[in-house]
């Protein structure tokens, strides 16, 4: 027996993905940054090393503790990541 699915949305969109790896003073970052029209100008940032991701815009970078919580990283690592993301967003 199959139940009928109720979709909130089901869309396909062309996206642009940037893969970047860099070494900070604290740790190495391996990221996939997905650029889409879906998130109101924000980017989906995926930390490939731990599988955590967040939808990030400039306002999120200004939010204290956002990167630490989203990626489960410490404050020093978050500062390195924030510096990189501020350059590219």
PDB file of N, CA and C in Angstrom:
ATOM      1  N   UNK A   1       0.841  -1.164   0.000  1.00  0.00           N
ATOM      2  CA  UNK A   1       0.000   0.000   0.000  1.00  0.00           C
ATOM      3  C   UNK A   1       0.897   1.242   0.000  1.00  0.00           C
ATOM      4  N   UNK A   2       0.664   2.140  -0.907  1.00  0.00           N
ATOM      5  CA  UNK A   2       1.410   3.392  -0.973  1.00  0.00           C
ATOM      6  C   UNK A   2       0.552   4.549  -0.504  1.00  0.00           C
ATOM      7  N   UNK A   3       1.165   5.374   0.293  1.00  0.00           N
ATOM      8  CA  UNK A   3       0.484   6.588   0.728  1.00  0.00           C
ATOM      9  C   UNK A   3       0.836   7.709  -0.230  1.00  0.00           C
ATOM     10  N   UNK A   4      -0.102   8.596  -0.432  1.00  0.00           N
ATOM     11  CA  UNK A   4       0.155   9.747  -1.279  1.00  0.00           C
ATOM     12  C   UNK A   4       1.009  10.742  -0.516  1.00  0.00           C
ATOM     13  N   UNK A   5       2.087  11.202  -1.147  1.00  0.00           N
ATOM     14  CA  UNK A   5       2.963  12.173  -0.505  1.00  0.00           C
ATOM     15  C   UNK A   5       2.397  13.571  -0.633  1.00  0.00           C
ATOM     16  N   UNK A   6       2.612  14.357   0.399  1.00  0.00           N
ATOM     17  CA  UNK A   6       2.229  15.760   0.388  1.00  0.00           C
ATOM     18  C   UNK A   6       3.506  16.579   0.320  1.00  0.00           C
ATOM     19  N   UNK A   7       3.797  17.144  -0.846  1.00  0.00           N
ATOM     20  CA  UNK A   7       5.010  17.937  -1.046  1.00  0.00           C
ATOM     21  C   UNK A   7       4.739  19.399  -0.699  1.00  0.00           C
ATOM     22  N   UNK A   8       5.617  19.982   0.059  1.00  0.00           N
ATOM     23  CA  UNK A   8       5.570  21.422   0.280  1.00  0.00           C
ATOM     24  C   UNK A   8       6.154  22.139  -0.933  1.00  0.00           C
ATOM     25  N   UNK A   9       7.188  21.550  -1.502  1.00  0.00           N
ATOM     26  CA  UNK A   9       7.717  21.990  -2.787  1.00  0.00           C
ATOM     27  C   UNK A   9       8.597  20.887  -3.348  1.00  0.00           C
ATOM     28  N   UNK A  10       8.769  20.896  -4.643  1.00  0.00           N
ATOM     29  CA  UNK A  10       9.607  19.927  -5.348  1.00  0.00           C
ATOM     30  C   UNK A  10      10.108  20.635  -6.590  1.00  0.00           C
ATOM     31  N   UNK A  11      11.260  21.269  -6.479  1.00  0.00           N
ATOM     32  CA  UNK A  11      11.795  22.098  -7.553  1.00  0.00           C
ATOM     33  C   UNK A  11      13.222  21.702  -7.872  1.00  0.00           C
ATOM     34  N   UNK A  12      13.628  21.963  -9.085  1.00  0.00           N
ATOM     35  CA  UNK A  12      15.003  21.755  -9.509  1.00  0.00           C
ATOM     36  C   UNK A  12      15.573  23.098  -9.899  1.00  0.00           C
ATOM     37  N   UNK A  13      16.809  23.343  -9.501  1.00  0.00           N
ATOM     38  CA  UNK A  13      17.449  24.623  -9.778  1.00  0.00           C
ATOM     39  C   UNK A  13      18.911  24.403 -10.118  1.00  0.00           C
ATOM     40  N   UNK A  14      19.402  25.157 -11.078  1.00  0.00           N
ATOM     41  CA  UNK A  14      20.831  25.155 -11.379  1.00  0.00           C
ATOM     42  C   UNK A  14      21.545  25.903 -10.264  1.00  0.00           C
ATOM     43  N   UNK A  15      22.615  25.323  -9.735  1.00  0.00           N
ATOM     44  CA  UNK A  15      23.390  25.969  -8.687  1.00  0.00           C
ATOM     45  C   UNK A  15      24.851  26.029  -9.105  1.00  0.00           C
ATOM     46  N   UNK A  16      25.598  26.826  -8.377  1.00  0.00           N
ATOM     47  CA  UNK A  16      27.042  26.899  -8.583  1.00  0.00           C
ATOM     48  C   UNK A  16      27.681  26.460  -7.273  1.00  0.00           C
ATOM     49  N   UNK A  17      28.634  25.551  -7.348  1.00  0.00           N
ATOM     50  CA  UNK A  17      29.295  25.044  -6.155  1.00  0.00           C
ATOM     51  C   UNK A  17      30.787  25.325  -6.242  1.00  0.00           C
ATOM     52  N   UNK A  18      31.308  25.907  -5.168  1.00  0.00           N
ATOM     53  CA  UNK A  18      32.739  26.176  -5.063  1.00  0.00           C
ATOM     54  C   UNK A  18      33.300  25.248  -3.989  1.00  0.00           C
ATOM     55  N   UNK A  19      34.322  24.498  -4.327  1.00  0.00           N
ATOM     56  CA  UNK A  19      35.000  23.642  -3.366  1.00  0.00           C
ATOM     57  C   UNK A  19      36.299  24.329  -2.988  1.00  0.00           C
ATOM     58  N   UNK A  20      36.516  24.499  -1.702  1.00  0.00           N
ATOM     59  CA  UNK A  20      37.719  25.196  -1.254  1.00  0.00           C
ATOM     60  C   UNK A  20      38.260  24.513  -0.001  1.00  0.00           C
ATOM     61  N   UNK A  21      39.576  24.409   0.059  1.00  0.00           N
ATOM     62  CA  UNK A  21      40.254  23.855   1.218  1.00  0.00           C
ATOM     63  C   UNK A  21      41.341  24.845   1.615  1.00  0.00           C
ATOM     64  N   UNK A  22      41.394  25.172   2.902  1.00  0.00           N
ATOM     65  CA  UNK A  22      42.466  26.045   3.363  1.00  0.00           C
ATOM     66  C   UNK A  22      42.863  25.651   4.775  1.00  0.00           C
ATOM     67  N   UNK A  23      44.098  25.983   5.113  1.00  0.00           N
ATOM     68  CA  UNK A  23      44.643  25.679   6.423  1.00  0.00           C
ATOM     69  C   UNK A  23      44.732  26.966   7.209  1.00  0.00           C
ATOM     70  N   UNK A  24      44.043  27.023   8.340  1.00  0.00           N
ATOM     71  CA  UNK A  24      44.156  28.151   9.249  1.00  0.00           C
ATOM     72  C   UNK A  24      45.211  27.856  10.299  1.00  0.00           C
ATOM     73  N   UNK A  25      45.333  28.718  11.274  1.00  0.00           N
ATOM     74  CA  UNK A  25      46.272  28.479  12.373  1.00  0.00           C
ATOM     75  C   UNK A  25      45.790  27.348  13.265  1.00  0.00           C
ATOM     76  N   UNK A  26      44.476  27.168  13.347  1.00  0.00           N
ATOM     77  CA  UNK A  26      43.891  26.188  14.249  1.00  0.00           C
ATOM     78  C   UNK A  26      43.569  24.848  13.592  1.00  0.00           C
ATOM     79  N   UNK A  27      43.088  24.884  12.350  1.00  0.00           N
ATOM     80  CA  UNK A  27      42.608  23.651  11.713  1.00  0.00           C
ATOM     81  C   UNK A  27      42.543  23.822  10.200  1.00  0.00           C
ATOM     82  N   UNK A  28      42.289  22.735   9.543  1.00  0.00           N
ATOM     83  CA  UNK A  28      42.071  22.728   8.096  1.00  0.00           C
ATOM     84  C   UNK A  28      40.566  22.763   7.845  1.00  0.00           C
ATOM     85  N   UNK A  29      40.177  23.512   6.827  1.00  0.00           N
ATOM     86  CA  UNK A  29      38.775  23.578   6.426  1.00  0.00           C
ATOM     87  C   UNK A  29      38.635  23.039   5.008  1.00  0.00           C
ATOM     88  N   UNK A  30      37.728  22.111   4.822  1.00  0.00           N
ATOM     89  CA  UNK A  30      37.350  21.597   3.510  1.00  0.00           C
ATOM     90  C   UNK A  30      35.873  21.916   3.347  1.00  0.00           C
ATOM     91  N   UNK A  31      35.576  22.844   2.449  1.00  0.00           N
ATOM     92  CA  UNK A  31      34.216  23.364   2.335  1.00  0.00           C
ATOM     93  C   UNK A  31      33.659  23.199   0.928  1.00  0.00           C
ATOM     94  N   UNK A  32      32.355  23.029   0.858  1.00  0.00           N
ATOM     95  CA  UNK A  32      31.608  23.154  -0.391  1.00  0.00           C
ATOM     96  C   UNK A  32      30.655  24.319  -0.162  1.00  0.00           C
ATOM     97  N   UNK A  33      30.738  25.321  -1.010  1.00  0.00           N
ATOM     98  CA  UNK A  33      29.901  26.511  -0.884  1.00  0.00           C
ATOM     99  C   UNK A  33      28.949  26.518  -2.068  1.00  0.00           C
ATOM    100  N   UNK A  34      27.667  26.373  -1.776  1.00  0.00           N
ATOM    101  CA  UNK A  34      26.646  26.244  -2.808  1.00  0.00           C
ATOM    102  C   UNK A  34      25.907  27.566  -2.946  1.00  0.00           C
ATOM    103  N   UNK A  35      25.931  28.099  -4.160  1.00  0.00           N
ATOM    104  CA  UNK A  35      25.281  29.370  -4.451  1.00  0.00           C
ATOM    105  C   UNK A  35      23.988  29.061  -5.192  1.00  0.00           C
ATOM    106  N   UNK A  36      22.886  29.562  -4.633  1.00  0.00           N
ATOM    107  CA  UNK A  36      21.558  29.271  -5.151  1.00  0.00           C
ATOM    108  C   UNK A  36      20.691  30.514  -5.030  1.00  0.00           C
ATOM    109  N   UNK A  37      19.612  30.562  -5.758  1.00  0.00           N
ATOM    110  CA  UNK A  37      18.649  31.645  -5.619  1.00  0.00           C
ATOM    111  C   UNK A  37      17.637  31.364  -4.513  1.00  0.00           C
ATOM    112  N   UNK A  38      17.646  30.180  -3.974  1.00  0.00           N
ATOM    113  CA  UNK A  38      16.625  29.733  -3.029  1.00  0.00           C
ATOM    114  C   UNK A  38      16.676  30.455  -1.694  1.00  0.00           C
ATOM    115  N   UNK A  39      17.830  30.814  -1.194  1.00  0.00           N
ATOM    116  CA  UNK A  39      17.965  31.281   0.186  1.00  0.00           C
ATOM    117  C   UNK A  39      18.178  32.789   0.301  1.00  0.00           C
ATOM    118  N   UNK A  40      17.516  33.550  -0.543  1.00  0.00           N
ATOM    119  CA  UNK A  40      17.497  35.001  -0.442  1.00  0.00           C
ATOM    120  C   UNK A  40      18.900  35.612  -0.412  1.00  0.00           C
ATOM    121  N   UNK A  41      19.785  35.114  -1.280  1.00  0.00           N
ATOM    122  CA  UNK A  41      21.136  35.657  -1.377  1.00  0.00           C
ATOM    123  C   UNK A  41      22.140  35.036  -0.422  1.00  0.00           C
ATOM    124  N   UNK A  42      21.686  34.124   0.418  1.00  0.00           N
ATOM    125  CA  UNK A  42      22.602  33.451   1.334  1.00  0.00           C
ATOM    126  C   UNK A  42      23.205  32.234   0.636  1.00  0.00           C
ATOM    127  N   UNK A  43      24.316  31.739   1.176  1.00  0.00           N
ATOM    128  CA  UNK A  43      25.008  30.587   0.621  1.00  0.00           C
ATOM    129  C   UNK A  43      24.868  29.396   1.569  1.00  0.00           C
ATOM    130  N   UNK A  44      24.786  28.212   0.993  1.00  0.00           N
ATOM    131  CA  UNK A  44      24.805  27.000   1.793  1.00  0.00           C
ATOM    132  C   UNK A  44      26.276  26.576   1.901  1.00  0.00           C
ATOM    133  N   UNK A  45      26.785  26.526   3.130  1.00  0.00           N
ATOM    134  CA  UNK A  45      28.180  26.183   3.365  1.00  0.00           C
ATOM    135  C   UNK A  45      28.224  24.830   4.059  1.00  0.00           C
ATOM    136  N   UNK A  46      28.895  23.885   3.417  1.00  0.00           N
ATOM    137  CA  UNK A  46      29.005  22.516   3.925  1.00  0.00           C
ATOM    138  C   UNK A  46      30.440  22.252   4.345  1.00  0.00           C
ATOM    139  N   UNK A  47      30.615  21.871   5.603  1.00  0.00           N
ATOM    140  CA  UNK A  47      31.924  21.450   6.086  1.00  0.00           C
ATOM    141  C   UNK A  47      32.056  19.967   5.756  1.00  0.00           C
ATOM    142  N   UNK A  48      32.857  19.640   4.774  1.00  0.00           N
ATOM    143  CA  UNK A  48      32.965  18.268   4.288  1.00  0.00           C
ATOM    144  C   UNK A  48      33.557  17.348   5.349  1.00  0.00           C
ATOM    145  N   UNK A  49      34.406  17.875   6.215  1.00  0.00           N
ATOM    146  CA  UNK A  49      35.066  17.040   7.219  1.00  0.00           C
ATOM    147  C   UNK A  49      34.096  16.470   8.246  1.00  0.00           C
ATOM    148  N   UNK A  50      33.110  17.260   8.673  1.00  0.00           N
ATOM    149  CA  UNK A  50      32.208  16.736   9.704  1.00  0.00           C
ATOM    150  C   UNK A  50      30.747  16.642   9.249  1.00  0.00           C
ATOM    151  N   UNK A  51      30.477  17.006   7.986  1.00  0.00           N
ATOM    152  CA  UNK A  51      29.135  16.865   7.442  1.00  0.00           C
ATOM    153  C   UNK A  51      28.136  17.891   7.939  1.00  0.00           C
ATOM    154  N   UNK A  52      28.585  18.903   8.652  1.00  0.00           N
ATOM    155  CA  UNK A  52      27.684  19.947   9.147  1.00  0.00           C
ATOM    156  C   UNK A  52      27.562  21.030   8.091  1.00  0.00           C
ATOM    157  N   UNK A  53      26.398  21.655   8.015  1.00  0.00           N
ATOM    158  CA  UNK A  53      26.216  22.734   7.055  1.00  0.00           C
ATOM    159  C   UNK A  53      25.319  23.809   7.639  1.00  0.00           C
ATOM    160  N   UNK A  54      25.397  24.987   7.032  1.00  0.00           N
ATOM    161  CA  UNK A  54      24.550  26.101   7.450  1.00  0.00           C
ATOM    162  C   UNK A  54      24.274  26.972   6.237  1.00  0.00           C
ATOM    163  N   UNK A  55      23.155  27.674   6.293  1.00  0.00           N
ATOM    164  CA  UNK A  55      22.814  28.670   5.281  1.00  0.00           C
ATOM    165  C   UNK A  55      23.272  30.003   5.856  1.00  0.00           C
ATOM    166  N   UNK A  56      24.224  30.643   5.166  1.00  0.00           N
ATOM    167  CA  UNK A  56      24.938  31.774   5.759  1.00  0.00           C
ATOM    168  C   UNK A  56      24.899  32.997   4.859  1.00  0.00           C
ATOM    169  N   UNK A  57      24.589  34.112   5.473  1.00  0.00           N
ATOM    170  CA  UNK A  57      24.692  35.427   4.863  1.00  0.00           C
ATOM    171  C   UNK A  57      25.494  36.323   5.789  1.00  0.00           C
ATOM    172  N   UNK A  58      25.718  37.548   5.375  1.00  0.00           N
ATOM    173  CA  UNK A  58      26.507  38.479   6.186  1.00  0.00           C
ATOM    174  C   UNK A  58      25.901  38.658   7.579  1.00  0.00           C
ATOM    175  N   UNK A  59      24.574  38.698   7.659  1.00  0.00           N
ATOM    176  CA  UNK A  59      23.924  38.873   8.964  1.00  0.00           C
ATOM    177  C   UNK A  59      24.228  37.719   9.909  1.00  0.00           C
ATOM    178  N   UNK A  60      24.376  36.516   9.375  1.00  0.00           N
ATOM    179  CA  UNK A  60      24.703  35.354  10.205  1.00  0.00           C
ATOM    180  C   UNK A  60      26.132  35.433  10.728  1.00  0.00           C
ATOM    181  N   UNK A  61      27.041  35.954   9.904  1.00  0.00           N
ATOM    182  CA  UNK A  61      28.429  36.101  10.333  1.00  0.00           C
ATOM    183  C   UNK A  61      28.554  37.095  11.480  1.00  0.00           C
ATOM    184  N   UNK A  62      27.650  38.040  11.539  1.00  0.00           N
ATOM    185  CA  UNK A  62      27.662  39.043  12.604  1.00  0.00           C
ATOM    186  C   UNK A  62      27.016  38.547  13.892  1.00  0.00           C
ATOM    187  N   UNK A  63      26.368  37.398  13.836  1.00  0.00           N
ATOM    188  CA  UNK A  63      25.662  36.834  14.991  1.00  0.00           C
ATOM    189  C   UNK A  63      26.662  36.077  15.881  1.00  0.00           C
ATOM    190  N   UNK A  64      26.869  36.530  17.123  1.00  0.00           N
ATOM    191  CA  UNK A  64      27.826  35.856  18.017  1.00  0.00           C
ATOM    192  C   UNK A  64      27.470  34.383  18.214  1.00  0.00           C
ATOM    193  N   UNK A  65      28.474  33.529  18.077  1.00  0.00           N
ATOM    194  CA  UNK A  65      28.307  32.101  18.326  1.00  0.00           C
ATOM    195  C   UNK A  65      27.660  31.307  17.213  1.00  0.00           C
ATOM    196  N   UNK A  66      27.270  31.969  16.129  1.00  0.00           N
ATOM    197  CA  UNK A  66      26.545  31.268  15.054  1.00  0.00           C
ATOM    198  C   UNK A  66      27.404  30.173  14.413  1.00  0.00           C
ATOM    199  N   UNK A  67      28.617  30.517  14.010  1.00  0.00           N
ATOM    200  CA  UNK A  67      29.475  29.532  13.345  1.00  0.00           C
ATOM    201  C   UNK A  67      29.887  28.418  14.292  1.00  0.00           C
ATOM    202  N   UNK A  68      30.153  28.765  15.553  1.00  0.00           N
ATOM    203  CA  UNK A  68      30.538  27.751  16.535  1.00  0.00           C
ATOM    204  C   UNK A  68      29.434  26.703  16.684  1.00  0.00           C
ATOM    205  N   UNK A  69      28.213  27.176  16.778  1.00  0.00           N
ATOM    206  CA  UNK A  69      27.073  26.273  16.947  1.00  0.00           C
ATOM    207  C   UNK A  69      26.788  25.485  15.666  1.00  0.00           C
ATOM    208  N   UNK A  70      26.767  26.168  14.547  1.00  0.00           N
ATOM    209  CA  UNK A  70      26.403  25.521  13.283  1.00  0.00           C
ATOM    210  C   UNK A  70      27.392  24.431  12.884  1.00  0.00           C
ATOM    211  N   UNK A  71      28.688  24.708  13.087  1.00  0.00           N
ATOM    212  CA  UNK A  71      29.708  23.761  12.631  1.00  0.00           C
ATOM    213  C   UNK A  71      30.372  22.986  13.769  1.00  0.00           C
ATOM    214  N   UNK A  72      29.932  23.275  15.011  1.00  0.00           N
ATOM    215  CA  UNK A  72      30.524  22.635  16.194  1.00  0.00           C
ATOM    216  C   UNK A  72      32.039  22.796  16.202  1.00  0.00           C
ATOM    217  N   UNK A  73      32.462  24.048  16.135  1.00  0.00           N
ATOM    218  CA  UNK A  73      33.885  24.379  16.172  1.00  0.00           C
ATOM    219  C   UNK A  73      34.118  25.353  17.319  1.00  0.00           C
ATOM    220  N   UNK A  74      35.399  25.495  17.700  1.00  0.00           N
ATOM    221  CA  UNK A  74      35.691  26.407  18.799  1.00  0.00           C
ATOM    222  C   UNK A  74      35.785  27.851  18.294  1.00  0.00           C
ATOM    223  N   UNK A  75      35.951  28.779  19.217  1.00  0.00           N
ATOM    224  CA  UNK A  75      35.923  30.200  18.888  1.00  0.00           C
ATOM    225  C   UNK A  75      37.061  30.609  17.942  1.00  0.00           C
ATOM    226  N   UNK A  76      38.253  30.064  18.156  1.00  0.00           N
ATOM    227  CA  UNK A  76      39.387  30.404  17.283  1.00  0.00           C
ATOM    228  C   UNK A  76      39.152  29.893  15.863  1.00  0.00           C
ATOM    229  N   UNK A  77      38.655  28.671  15.748  1.00  0.00           N
ATOM    230  CA  UNK A  77      38.347  28.118  14.432  1.00  0.00           C
ATOM    231  C   UNK A  77      37.255  28.942  13.757  1.00  0.00           C
ATOM    232  N   UNK A  78      36.261  29.343  14.533  1.00  0.00           N
ATOM    233  CA  UNK A  78      35.161  30.143  13.988  1.00  0.00           C
ATOM    234  C   UNK A  78      35.667  31.485  13.468  1.00  0.00           C
ATOM    235  N   UNK A  79      36.630  32.093  14.137  1.00  0.00           N
ATOM    236  CA  UNK A  79      37.181  33.365  13.675  1.00  0.00           C
ATOM    237  C   UNK A  79      37.896  33.197  12.333  1.00  0.00           C
ATOM    238  N   UNK A  80      38.614  32.092  12.173  1.00  0.00           N
ATOM    239  CA  UNK A  80      39.285  31.822  10.893  1.00  0.00           C
ATOM    240  C   UNK A  80      38.265  31.604   9.785  1.00  0.00           C
ATOM    241  N   UNK A  81      37.246  30.831  10.072  1.00  0.00           N
ATOM    242  CA  UNK A  81      36.205  30.569   9.082  1.00  0.00           C
ATOM    243  C   UNK A  81      35.457  31.856   8.744  1.00  0.00           C
ATOM    244  N   UNK A  82      35.142  32.646   9.757  1.00  0.00           N
ATOM    245  CA  UNK A  82      34.445  33.909   9.549  1.00  0.00           C
ATOM    246  C   UNK A  82      35.263  34.838   8.642  1.00  0.00           C
ATOM    247  N   UNK A  83      36.577  34.915   8.879  1.00  0.00           N
ATOM    248  CA  UNK A  83      37.435  35.752   8.039  1.00  0.00           C
ATOM    249  C   UNK A  83      37.376  35.348   6.583  1.00  0.00           C
ATOM    250  N   UNK A  84      37.421  34.038   6.336  1.00  0.00           N
ATOM    251  CA  UNK A  84      37.332  33.550   4.956  1.00  0.00           C
ATOM    252  C   UNK A  84      35.977  33.865   4.350  1.00  0.00           C
ATOM    253  N   UNK A  85      34.909  33.566   5.078  1.00  0.00           N
ATOM    254  CA  UNK A  85      33.568  33.760   4.537  1.00  0.00           C
ATOM    255  C   UNK A  85      33.255  35.241   4.311  1.00  0.00           C
ATOM    256  N   UNK A  86      33.774  36.128   5.138  1.00  0.00           N
ATOM    257  CA  UNK A  86      33.560  37.551   4.932  1.00  0.00           C
ATOM    258  C   UNK A  86      34.194  38.013   3.619  1.00  0.00           C
ATOM    259  N   UNK A  87      35.309  37.420   3.247  1.00  0.00           N
ATOM    260  CA  UNK A  87      35.977  37.764   1.985  1.00  0.00           C
ATOM    261  C   UNK A  87      35.174  37.302   0.777  1.00  0.00           C
ATOM    262  N   UNK A  88      34.512  36.151   0.911  1.00  0.00           N
ATOM    263  CA  UNK A  88      33.872  35.565  -0.278  1.00  0.00           C
ATOM    264  C   UNK A  88      32.385  35.827  -0.392  1.00  0.00           C
ATOM    265  N   UNK A  89      31.717  36.217   0.700  1.00  0.00           N
ATOM    266  CA  UNK A  89      30.265  36.461   0.612  1.00  0.00           C
ATOM    267  C   UNK A  89      29.979  37.850   0.058  1.00  0.00           C
TER     268      UNK A  89
END
